[in-house]
Amino acid sequence: MNIDKKYLISEISEAFKGVELGEGIGLSQANAIDDYKDEHFQQECRKNDEKLTWYSIPSAFLNKYYSSLSFFDAEGMRFHLPAFMIATLKGEYHSDLVFSLTNLSDYSDYKKAQFSLLNKQQKKTVVSFLEYLIESPEFVYNRQDIETAIEYFWGK
């Protein structure tokens, strides 16, 4: 299967069109949680986080706050995930998104709950994204993890 990168970016954009952060955990707020900052500091960070247009988040911010993926709630993950996927496809994200999308059985239900708000179209888009990565030489070492995640989590 050969997936066109431009088409996939368009598919991601369409699947997550109109998604807002809502009351979810923001990008720098999640980083503050990772840094064990107090609630007041976390809320101050949230004030500056993007809440309406995930596609306007610069890749530099995604790289700066790469650990946030582990600390998003379901709303935060649904809002930020497309930005991380597109930045990965463009070669602008320099950390490991694959780990967050494939290592689901090794964690408590919390990890799986992060993706609980994704609708059927959004999950299908994640599958397309992962299938694209399988074909990419730089993700060859992730192939088994990706195939397992598609079969047992994303493809259901």
Protein backbone atom coordinates (compact mmCIF):
# COMPACT_ATOMS: atom_id res chain seq x y z
CA MET A 1 0.00 0.00 0.00
CA ASN A 2 1.46 3.34 -1.01
CA ILE A 3 0.01 6.30 0.86
CA ASP A 4 0.58 9.81 -0.46
CA LYS A 5 1.92 12.16 2.23
CA LYS A 6 -0.01 15.21 0.98
CA TYR A 7 -3.23 13.20 0.89
CA LEU A 8 -2.58 11.92 4.41
CA ILE A 9 -2.00 15.45 5.73
CA SER A 10 -5.30 16.45 4.13
CA GLU A 11 -7.01 13.41 5.68
CA ILE A 12 -5.69 14.33 9.14
CA SER A 13 -6.77 17.95 8.72
CA GLU A 14 -10.27 16.90 7.69
CA ALA A 15 -10.68 14.29 10.43
CA PHE A 16 -9.72 16.77 13.16
CA LYS A 17 -11.34 19.83 11.59
CA GLY A 18 -13.04 21.99 14.20
CA VAL A 19 -11.54 20.15 17.19
CA GLU A 20 -10.86 22.56 20.05
CA LEU A 21 -9.08 22.01 23.34
CA GLY A 22 -12.13 22.69 25.48
CA GLU A 23 -11.33 21.98 29.10
CA GLY A 24 -8.49 19.64 28.13
CA ILE A 25 -4.88 19.88 29.19
CA GLY A 26 -2.83 22.25 27.02
CA LEU A 27 0.66 21.81 25.63
CA SER A 28 2.73 23.81 28.12
CA GLN A 29 0.30 22.91 30.91
CA ALA A 30 1.09 19.22 30.33
CA ASN A 31 4.79 20.05 30.43
CA ALA A 32 4.25 21.77 33.79
CA ILE A 33 2.54 18.60 35.05
CA ASP A 34 5.58 16.61 33.89
CA ASP A 35 7.81 19.04 35.79
CA TYR A 36 5.72 18.56 38.98
CA LYS A 37 4.73 22.24 39.05
CA ASP A 38 1.90 23.26 41.35
CA GLU A 39 -1.68 23.79 40.16
CA HIS A 40 -1.31 27.57 40.04
CA PHE A 41 1.73 27.33 37.76
CA GLN A 42 -0.06 24.80 35.55
CA GLN A 43 -3.03 27.14 35.15
CA GLU A 44 -0.73 30.04 34.29
CA CYS A 45 0.82 27.90 31.56
CA ARG A 46 -2.63 26.97 30.28
CA LYS A 47 -3.50 30.64 29.79
CA ASN A 48 -0.92 30.83 27.00
CA ASP A 49 -1.71 27.46 25.42
CA GLU A 50 -3.49 27.31 22.05
CA LYS A 51 -7.08 26.26 22.60
CA LEU A 52 -8.90 26.81 19.31
CA THR A 53 -6.71 25.98 16.30
CA TRP A 54 -4.43 22.97 16.72
CA TYR A 55 -3.01 23.56 13.23
CA SER A 56 -1.51 26.88 14.31
CA ILE A 57 0.75 25.31 16.94
CA PRO A 58 4.34 25.71 15.70
CA SER A 59 6.41 22.54 15.37
CA ALA A 60 9.02 24.23 17.57
CA PHE A 61 6.48 24.16 20.44
CA LEU A 62 5.72 20.48 19.81
CA ASN A 63 9.44 19.76 20.03
CA LYS A 64 9.91 21.93 23.10
CA TYR A 65 7.02 20.23 24.93
CA TYR A 66 7.50 16.73 23.53
CA SER A 67 6.88 15.07 26.90
CA SER A 68 3.37 16.56 26.98
CA LEU A 69 2.09 13.56 25.01
CA SER A 70 2.33 11.51 28.18
CA PHE A 71 0.34 13.99 30.25
CA PHE A 72 -2.60 14.97 28.06
CA ASP A 73 -6.10 14.00 29.08
CA ALA A 74 -8.49 12.76 26.36
CA GLU A 75 -9.44 16.29 25.24
CA GLY A 76 -5.82 17.41 25.18
CA MET A 77 -4.77 14.38 23.14
CA ARG A 78 -7.60 14.77 20.63
CA PHE A 79 -6.66 18.45 20.15
CA HIS A 80 -2.88 18.05 19.87
CA LEU A 81 -2.54 14.69 18.13
CA PRO A 82 -3.14 15.99 14.59
CA ALA A 83 -0.49 18.68 15.04
CA PHE A 84 2.02 16.05 16.17
CA MET A 85 1.12 13.72 13.28
CA ILE A 86 1.44 16.42 10.62
CA ALA A 87 4.71 17.70 12.09
CA THR A 88 6.02 14.12 12.00
CA LEU A 89 5.02 13.74 8.35
CA LYS A 90 6.72 17.02 7.48
CA GLY A 91 9.90 15.93 9.27
CA GLU A 92 9.50 18.79 11.74
CA TYR A 93 8.84 16.77 14.91
CA HIS A 94 12.02 15.29 16.31
CA SER A 95 10.79 13.09 19.12
CA ASP A 96 8.94 9.77 19.19
CA LEU A 97 5.22 10.00 18.43
CA VAL A 98 5.19 6.33 17.47
CA PHE A 99 5.86 5.35 21.08
CA SER A 100 2.73 7.18 22.24
CA LEU A 101 0.60 5.53 19.56
CA THR A 102 1.91 1.98 19.88
CA ASN A 103 2.83 1.26 23.50
CA LEU A 104 -0.71 0.98 24.75
CA SER A 105 -0.75 -2.42 26.42
CA ASP A 106 2.23 -1.61 28.61
CA TYR A 107 0.33 1.09 30.48
CA SER A 108 -2.67 1.36 32.69
CA ASP A 109 -6.05 2.24 31.29
CA TYR A 110 -4.91 5.89 31.52
CA LYS A 111 -2.88 5.57 28.32
CA LYS A 112 -5.78 4.06 26.42
CA ALA A 113 -8.18 6.62 27.93
CA GLN A 114 -6.13 9.39 26.32
CA PHE A 115 -7.53 8.27 22.97
CA SER A 116 -11.07 7.63 24.16
CA LEU A 117 -12.58 10.76 22.59
CA LEU A 118 -11.34 10.00 19.08
CA ASN A 119 -14.22 9.21 16.76
CA LYS A 120 -14.20 6.46 14.12
CA GLN A 121 -12.87 8.77 11.38
CA GLN A 122 -10.08 10.06 13.62
CA LYS A 123 -9.02 6.53 14.60
CA LYS A 124 -9.07 5.52 10.93
CA THR A 125 -6.79 8.47 10.23
CA VAL A 126 -4.38 7.34 12.95
CA VAL A 127 -4.32 3.91 11.26
CA SER A 128 -3.53 5.58 7.92
CA PHE A 129 -0.76 7.56 9.60
CA LEU A 130 0.72 4.43 11.17
CA GLU A 131 0.48 2.53 7.88
CA TYR A 132 2.36 5.36 6.20
CA LEU A 133 5.10 5.11 8.83
CA ILE A 134 5.44 1.36 8.27
CA GLU A 135 6.48 2.13 4.70
CA SER A 136 8.99 4.80 5.76
CA PRO A 137 12.60 3.64 6.08
CA GLU A 138 13.20 5.69 9.21
CA PHE A 139 10.47 3.73 11.05
CA VAL A 140 11.54 0.25 9.99
CA TYR A 141 12.61 -0.58 13.56
CA ASN A 142 9.06 0.28 14.75
CA ARG A 143 7.30 -1.96 12.25
CA GLN A 144 6.30 -4.74 14.67
CA ASP A 145 5.05 -2.31 17.32
CA ILE A 146 3.04 -0.40 14.72
CA GLU A 147 1.48 -3.54 13.24
CA THR A 148 0.58 -4.81 16.71
CA ALA A 149 -0.98 -1.49 17.72
CA ILE A 150 -3.06 -1.37 14.53
CA GLU A 151 -4.26 -4.95 14.99
CA TYR A 152 -5.08 -4.84 18.69
CA PHE A 153 -6.02 -1.21 19.35
CA TRP A 154 -6.40 1.19 16.44
CA GLY A 155 -8.01 -1.20 13.97
CA LYS A 156 -10.84 -2.16 16.34
